[in-house]
Amino acid sequence: MKKRLYGVIVLAMLSAVLIACDAKKQSTESTESTDHTESTVADFTFEGVIFTYDGKDYDISEQANAIMDAKLVGDYIIIDGHINPKNGYYGIFNTKTKSFEKDLFGNNLTYYNDDVNTILYAFWSEIYDYNGTIIATCDMSEAEFIYQIDYINENTQIEVTISDGESERKVVFDL
C-alpha cells in the first residue's frame, strides 16, 4: 500500500513538473499584447515558484508551491499557482506598476474582454468577483465540486458547471 501511494505521489509530482514546463514554454511564446498600442509588454517567464518580468524575479513560494501558467490579460499578468488539487492561487500582476495587486485563492478563474475587473473564481461552493465579494453560492453535495464558470447571455449571467467526477450539471446565476 505504501509503495502504491508513493508511486502515485511521484507520478503526480512528475505530471505537475511537465505541465509547468509546457506552460512556461507556451507563456514565453505568447507574451505580446495585440490589444494595447500604448506600451509594449516585456517578456515574462516562470519556473518553479519564480516569476520573472522585465528582468526582475518575483518569488511566490509563500502563496503557492508551483506556477502552472501565466497569461497576459490587458495590462496585467495572471499567475496561476498550484496549492493543492482543490484550490489554487491567482496572482494579479500589474505590468505598469510592476507589482502584484491582488492575491486570489480558489479555482476556475474566468474573465472577459481582457479586463481583470470582470474576474470571477470559485472557492469551495461560492463564486467570488475580483473584489472578493460573494456573488453566488452553489448548492452542492459533498461529492460535488465546481468544474467551470462561464459568462453567458452577453455577460449578464454566469453558468456554473458542477461535477461529481462522473456526471455534470449546470446552474445559471444572474449578475
C-alpha atoms as a PDB file:
ATOM      1  CA  MET A   1       0.000   0.000   0.000  1.00  0.00           C
ATOM      2  CA  LYS A   2       2.809   2.435   0.894  1.00  0.00           C
ATOM      3  CA  LYS A   3       4.642   1.666  -2.366  1.00  0.00           C
ATOM      4  CA  ARG A   4       1.483   2.304  -4.393  1.00  0.00           C
ATOM      5  CA  LEU A   5       0.845   5.606  -2.569  1.00  0.00           C
ATOM      6  CA  TYR A   6       4.469   6.628  -3.071  1.00  0.00           C
ATOM      7  CA  GLY A   7       4.201   5.795  -6.770  1.00  0.00           C
ATOM      8  CA  VAL A   8       1.032   7.878  -7.131  1.00  0.00           C
ATOM      9  CA  ILE A   9       2.693  10.824  -5.384  1.00  0.00           C
ATOM     10  CA  VAL A  10       5.782  10.580  -7.601  1.00  0.00           C
ATOM     11  CA  LEU A  11       3.630  10.419 -10.752  1.00  0.00           C
ATOM     12  CA  ALA A  12       1.577  13.429  -9.615  1.00  0.00           C
ATOM     13  CA  MET A  13       4.721  15.455  -8.934  1.00  0.00           C
ATOM     14  CA  LEU A  14       6.231  14.481 -12.292  1.00  0.00           C
ATOM     15  CA  SER A  15       2.998  15.452 -14.070  1.00  0.00           C
ATOM     16  CA  ALA A  16       2.991  18.838 -12.335  1.00  0.00           C
ATOM     17  CA  VAL A  17       6.595  19.478 -13.415  1.00  0.00           C
ATOM     18  CA  LEU A  18       5.839  18.522 -17.022  1.00  0.00           C
ATOM     19  CA  ILE A  19       2.719  20.703 -17.085  1.00  0.00           C
ATOM     20  CA  ALA A  20       4.677  23.621 -15.628  1.00  0.00           C
ATOM     21  CA  CYS A  21       7.440  23.196 -18.219  1.00  0.00           C
ATOM     22  CA  ASP A  22       4.913  23.136 -21.068  1.00  0.00           C
ATOM     23  CA  ALA A  23       3.071  26.156 -19.637  1.00  0.00           C
ATOM     24  CA  LYS A  24       6.364  28.041 -19.349  1.00  0.00           C
ATOM     25  CA  LYS A  25       7.114  27.338 -22.988  1.00  0.00           C
ATOM     26  CA  GLN A  26       3.623  28.464 -24.036  1.00  0.00           C
ATOM     27  CA  SER A  27       3.746  31.650 -21.962  1.00  0.00           C
ATOM     28  CA  THR A  28       7.027  32.791 -23.476  1.00  0.00           C
ATOM     29  CA  GLU A  29       5.626  32.180 -26.966  1.00  0.00           C
ATOM     30  CA  SER A  30       2.572  34.392 -26.419  1.00  0.00           C
ATOM     31  CA  THR A  31       3.542  37.391 -24.335  1.00  0.00           C
ATOM     32  CA  GLU A  32       2.930  40.179 -26.853  1.00  0.00           C
ATOM     33  CA  SER A  33      -0.328  42.047 -26.496  1.00  0.00           C
ATOM     34  CA  THR A  34      -2.217  42.896 -29.661  1.00  0.00           C
ATOM     35  CA  ASP A  35      -4.882  44.910 -27.825  1.00  0.00           C
ATOM     36  CA  HIS A  36      -2.615  47.643 -26.442  1.00  0.00           C
ATOM     37  CA  THR A  37      -0.858  50.245 -28.534  1.00  0.00           C
ATOM     38  CA  GLU A  38       0.258  52.428 -25.600  1.00  0.00           C
ATOM     39  CA  SER A  39       3.047  50.186 -24.357  1.00  0.00           C
ATOM     40  CA  THR A  40       4.906  47.060 -25.287  1.00  0.00           C
ATOM     41  CA  VAL A  41       4.745  44.371 -22.651  1.00  0.00           C
ATOM     42  CA  ALA A  42       8.152  42.947 -21.815  1.00  0.00           C
ATOM     43  CA  ASP A  43       8.664  39.203 -21.889  1.00  0.00           C
ATOM     44  CA  PHE A  44       7.820  37.177 -18.836  1.00  0.00           C
ATOM     45  CA  THR A  45       8.790  33.679 -17.829  1.00  0.00           C
ATOM     46  CA  PHE A  46       8.297  31.390 -14.879  1.00  0.00           C
ATOM     47  CA  GLU A  47       9.987  28.379 -13.390  1.00  0.00           C
ATOM     48  CA  GLY A  48       9.074  26.612 -10.159  1.00  0.00           C
ATOM     49  CA  VAL A  49       7.839  29.421  -7.894  1.00  0.00           C
ATOM     50  CA  ILE A  50       9.776  32.226  -9.601  1.00  0.00           C
ATOM     51  CA  PHE A  51       8.002  34.596 -11.982  1.00  0.00           C
ATOM     52  CA  THR A  52      10.301  36.863 -13.989  1.00  0.00           C
ATOM     53  CA  TYR A  53       9.060  40.066 -15.568  1.00  0.00           C
ATOM     54  CA  ASP A  54      11.236  42.630 -17.308  1.00  0.00           C
ATOM     55  CA  GLY A  55      14.388  41.068 -15.834  1.00  0.00           C
ATOM     56  CA  LYS A  56      13.193  41.045 -12.212  1.00  0.00           C
ATOM     57  CA  ASP A  57      12.345  37.864 -10.273  1.00  0.00           C
ATOM     58  CA  TYR A  58       9.262  37.567  -8.066  1.00  0.00           C
ATOM     59  CA  ASP A  59       9.064  34.626  -5.645  1.00  0.00           C
ATOM     60  CA  ILE A  60       5.541  33.348  -4.921  1.00  0.00           C
ATOM     61  CA  SER A  61       6.588  30.468  -2.648  1.00  0.00           C
ATOM     62  CA  GLU A  62       4.570  31.921   0.245  1.00  0.00           C
ATOM     63  CA  GLN A  63       1.398  31.785  -1.862  1.00  0.00           C
ATOM     64  CA  ALA A  64       1.845  28.580  -3.907  1.00  0.00           C
ATOM     65  CA  ASN A  65       4.186  25.630  -4.397  1.00  0.00           C
ATOM     66  CA  ALA A  66       4.473  25.907  -8.210  1.00  0.00           C
ATOM     67  CA  ILE A  67       3.498  28.224 -11.035  1.00  0.00           C
ATOM     68  CA  MET A  68       1.337  26.323 -13.513  1.00  0.00           C
ATOM     69  CA  ASP A  69       0.637  29.094 -16.020  1.00  0.00           C
ATOM     70  CA  ALA A  70       0.817  32.822 -16.630  1.00  0.00           C
ATOM     71  CA  LYS A  71      -1.397  34.788 -19.035  1.00  0.00           C
ATOM     72  CA  LEU A  72      -1.411  38.354 -20.243  1.00  0.00           C
ATOM     73  CA  VAL A  73      -4.814  39.983 -19.630  1.00  0.00           C
ATOM     74  CA  GLY A  74      -4.855  43.635 -20.628  1.00  0.00           C
ATOM     75  CA  ASP A  75      -2.128  45.408 -18.651  1.00  0.00           C
ATOM     76  CA  TYR A  76      -1.938  42.526 -16.176  1.00  0.00           C
ATOM     77  CA  ILE A  77      -0.396  39.097 -15.988  1.00  0.00           C
ATOM     78  CA  ILE A  78      -2.396  36.473 -14.137  1.00  0.00           C
ATOM     79  CA  ILE A  79      -0.124  33.969 -12.405  1.00  0.00           C
ATOM     80  CA  ASP A  80      -1.795  30.580 -11.895  1.00  0.00           C
ATOM     81  CA  GLY A  81      -0.170  28.877  -8.920  1.00  0.00           C
ATOM     82  CA  HIS A  82      -0.701  25.368  -7.568  1.00  0.00           C
ATOM     83  CA  ILE A  83      -1.560  24.875  -3.898  1.00  0.00           C
ATOM     84  CA  ASN A  84      -3.450  21.567  -3.839  1.00  0.00           C
ATOM     85  CA  PRO A  85      -5.845  19.651  -6.116  1.00  0.00           C
ATOM     86  CA  LYS A  86      -8.916  21.555  -4.912  1.00  0.00           C
ATOM     87  CA  ASN A  87      -7.688  25.158  -4.670  1.00  0.00           C
ATOM     88  CA  GLY A  88      -5.052  27.289  -6.288  1.00  0.00           C
ATOM     89  CA  TYR A  89      -3.527  30.736  -6.230  1.00  0.00           C
ATOM     90  CA  TYR A  90      -4.016  33.534  -8.758  1.00  0.00           C
ATOM     91  CA  GLY A  91      -1.607  36.445  -8.537  1.00  0.00           C
ATOM     92  CA  ILE A  92      -2.712  39.567 -10.397  1.00  0.00           C
ATOM     93  CA  PHE A  93       0.457  41.347 -11.555  1.00  0.00           C
ATOM     94  CA  ASN A  94       0.216  44.919 -12.899  1.00  0.00           C
ATOM     95  CA  THR A  95       2.693  45.370 -15.772  1.00  0.00           C
ATOM     96  CA  LYS A  96       2.645  49.164 -15.436  1.00  0.00           C
ATOM     97  CA  THR A  97       3.446  49.338 -11.698  1.00  0.00           C
ATOM     98  CA  LYS A  98       5.441  46.077 -11.844  1.00  0.00           C
ATOM     99  CA  SER A  99       3.782  44.798  -8.689  1.00  0.00           C
ATOM    100  CA  PHE A 100       1.206  42.270  -7.567  1.00  0.00           C
ATOM    101  CA  GLU A 101      -2.144  43.969  -6.954  1.00  0.00           C
ATOM    102  CA  LYS A 102      -4.160  41.027  -5.673  1.00  0.00           C
ATOM    103  CA  ASP A 103      -3.760  37.510  -4.385  1.00  0.00           C
ATOM    104  CA  LEU A 104      -6.824  35.369  -5.074  1.00  0.00           C
ATOM    105  CA  PHE A 105      -7.259  31.844  -3.715  1.00  0.00           C
ATOM    106  CA  GLY A 106      -9.657  29.389  -5.328  1.00  0.00           C
ATOM    107  CA  ASN A 107     -10.147  27.771  -8.721  1.00  0.00           C
ATOM    108  CA  ASN A 108     -11.777  28.107 -12.147  1.00  0.00           C
ATOM    109  CA  LEU A 109     -10.847  31.751 -12.630  1.00  0.00           C
ATOM    110  CA  THR A 110     -12.557  33.350 -15.621  1.00  0.00           C
ATOM    111  CA  TYR A 111     -12.912  36.843 -17.112  1.00  0.00           C
ATOM    112  CA  TYR A 112     -13.976  38.522 -20.336  1.00  0.00           C
ATOM    113  CA  ASN A 113     -12.687  41.255 -22.681  1.00  0.00           C
ATOM    114  CA  ASP A 114      -9.131  41.211 -21.275  1.00  0.00           C
ATOM    115  CA  ASP A 115     -10.461  43.013 -18.176  1.00  0.00           C
ATOM    116  CA  VAL A 116      -9.299  41.821 -14.750  1.00  0.00           C
ATOM    117  CA  ASN A 117     -12.206  43.691 -13.165  1.00  0.00           C
ATOM    118  CA  THR A 118     -14.504  41.010 -14.636  1.00  0.00           C
ATOM    119  CA  ILE A 119     -12.640  38.177 -12.885  1.00  0.00           C
ATOM    120  CA  LEU A 120     -14.786  35.522 -11.239  1.00  0.00           C
ATOM    121  CA  TYR A 121     -13.478  32.478  -9.398  1.00  0.00           C
ATOM    122  CA  ALA A 122     -14.733  29.713  -7.142  1.00  0.00           C
ATOM    123  CA  PHE A 123     -13.730  28.844  -3.614  1.00  0.00           C
ATOM    124  CA  TRP A 124     -15.454  25.660  -2.475  1.00  0.00           C
ATOM    125  CA  SER A 125     -19.168  26.262  -3.209  1.00  0.00           C
ATOM    126  CA  GLU A 126     -19.050  30.040  -3.609  1.00  0.00           C
ATOM    127  CA  ILE A 127     -18.354  32.268  -6.611  1.00  0.00           C
ATOM    128  CA  TYR A 128     -16.415  35.479  -5.936  1.00  0.00           C
ATOM    129  CA  ASP A 129     -15.755  38.584  -8.001  1.00  0.00           C
ATOM    130  CA  TYR A 130     -12.434  40.405  -8.383  1.00  0.00           C
ATOM    131  CA  ASN A 131     -13.021  42.367  -5.168  1.00  0.00           C
ATOM    132  CA  GLY A 132     -13.668  39.220  -3.112  1.00  0.00           C
ATOM    133  CA  THR A 133     -17.435  39.698  -2.892  1.00  0.00           C
ATOM    134  CA  ILE A 134     -19.540  36.536  -2.958  1.00  0.00           C
ATOM    135  CA  ILE A 135     -21.834  36.774  -5.980  1.00  0.00           C
ATOM    136  CA  ALA A 136     -23.306  33.246  -5.875  1.00  0.00           C
ATOM    137  CA  THR A 137     -23.430  30.171  -3.697  1.00  0.00           C
ATOM    138  CA  CYS A 138     -23.892  26.763  -5.303  1.00  0.00           C
ATOM    139  CA  ASP A 139     -25.975  24.095  -3.600  1.00  0.00           C
ATOM    140  CA  MET A 140     -23.768  21.005  -3.852  1.00  0.00           C
ATOM    141  CA  SER A 141     -23.396  17.595  -2.250  1.00  0.00           C
ATOM    142  CA  GLU A 142     -20.142  16.616  -0.538  1.00  0.00           C
ATOM    143  CA  ALA A 143     -19.039  14.701  -3.641  1.00  0.00           C
ATOM    144  CA  GLU A 144     -19.581  17.646  -5.986  1.00  0.00           C
ATOM    145  CA  PHE A 145     -17.248  20.457  -6.964  1.00  0.00           C
ATOM    146  CA  ILE A 146     -17.334  23.480  -9.261  1.00  0.00           C
ATOM    147  CA  TYR A 147     -15.799  22.390 -12.549  1.00  0.00           C
ATOM    148  CA  GLN A 148     -16.168  25.520 -14.686  1.00  0.00           C
ATOM    149  CA  ILE A 149     -17.534  29.076 -14.692  1.00  0.00           C
ATOM    150  CA  ASP A 150     -18.614  30.783 -17.931  1.00  0.00           C
ATOM    151  CA  TYR A 151     -20.088  34.171 -18.712  1.00  0.00           C
ATOM    152  CA  ILE A 152     -23.261  33.823 -20.831  1.00  0.00           C
ATOM    153  CA  ASN A 153     -26.068  35.950 -22.309  1.00  0.00           C
ATOM    154  CA  GLU A 154     -23.926  38.967 -23.164  1.00  0.00           C
ATOM    155  CA  ASN A 155     -22.175  38.690 -19.796  1.00  0.00           C
ATOM    156  CA  THR A 156     -25.354  39.289 -17.784  1.00  0.00           C
ATOM    157  CA  GLN A 157     -25.281  35.781 -16.293  1.00  0.00           C
ATOM    158  CA  ILE A 158     -22.827  33.073 -15.370  1.00  0.00           C
ATOM    159  CA  GLU A 159     -23.191  29.378 -15.989  1.00  0.00           C
ATOM    160  CA  VAL A 160     -21.539  27.202 -13.359  1.00  0.00           C
ATOM    161  CA  THR A 161     -20.783  23.602 -14.242  1.00  0.00           C
ATOM    162  CA  ILE A 162     -20.910  21.346 -11.180  1.00  0.00           C
ATOM    163  CA  SER A 163     -19.454  17.841 -11.322  1.00  0.00           C
ATOM    164  CA  ASP A 164     -19.202  14.816  -9.078  1.00  0.00           C
ATOM    165  CA  GLY A 165     -16.479  13.276 -11.236  1.00  0.00           C
ATOM    166  CA  GLU A 166     -18.929  11.119 -13.192  1.00  0.00           C
ATOM    167  CA  SER A 167     -21.683  13.499 -14.266  1.00  0.00           C
ATOM    168  CA  GLU A 168     -22.183  17.222 -14.637  1.00  0.00           C
ATOM    169  CA  ARG A 169     -24.999  19.686 -14.148  1.00  0.00           C
ATOM    170  CA  LYS A 170     -25.232  23.388 -14.947  1.00  0.00           C
ATOM    171  CA  VAL A 171     -26.616  26.193 -12.787  1.00  0.00           C
ATOM    172  CA  VAL A 172     -27.219  29.753 -14.051  1.00  0.00           C
ATOM    173  CA  PHE A 173     -26.906  32.878 -11.899  1.00  0.00           C
ATOM    174  CA  ASP A 174     -27.839  36.466 -12.806  1.00  0.00           C
ATOM    175  CA  LEU A 175     -25.152  39.073 -12.297  1.00  0.00           C
END
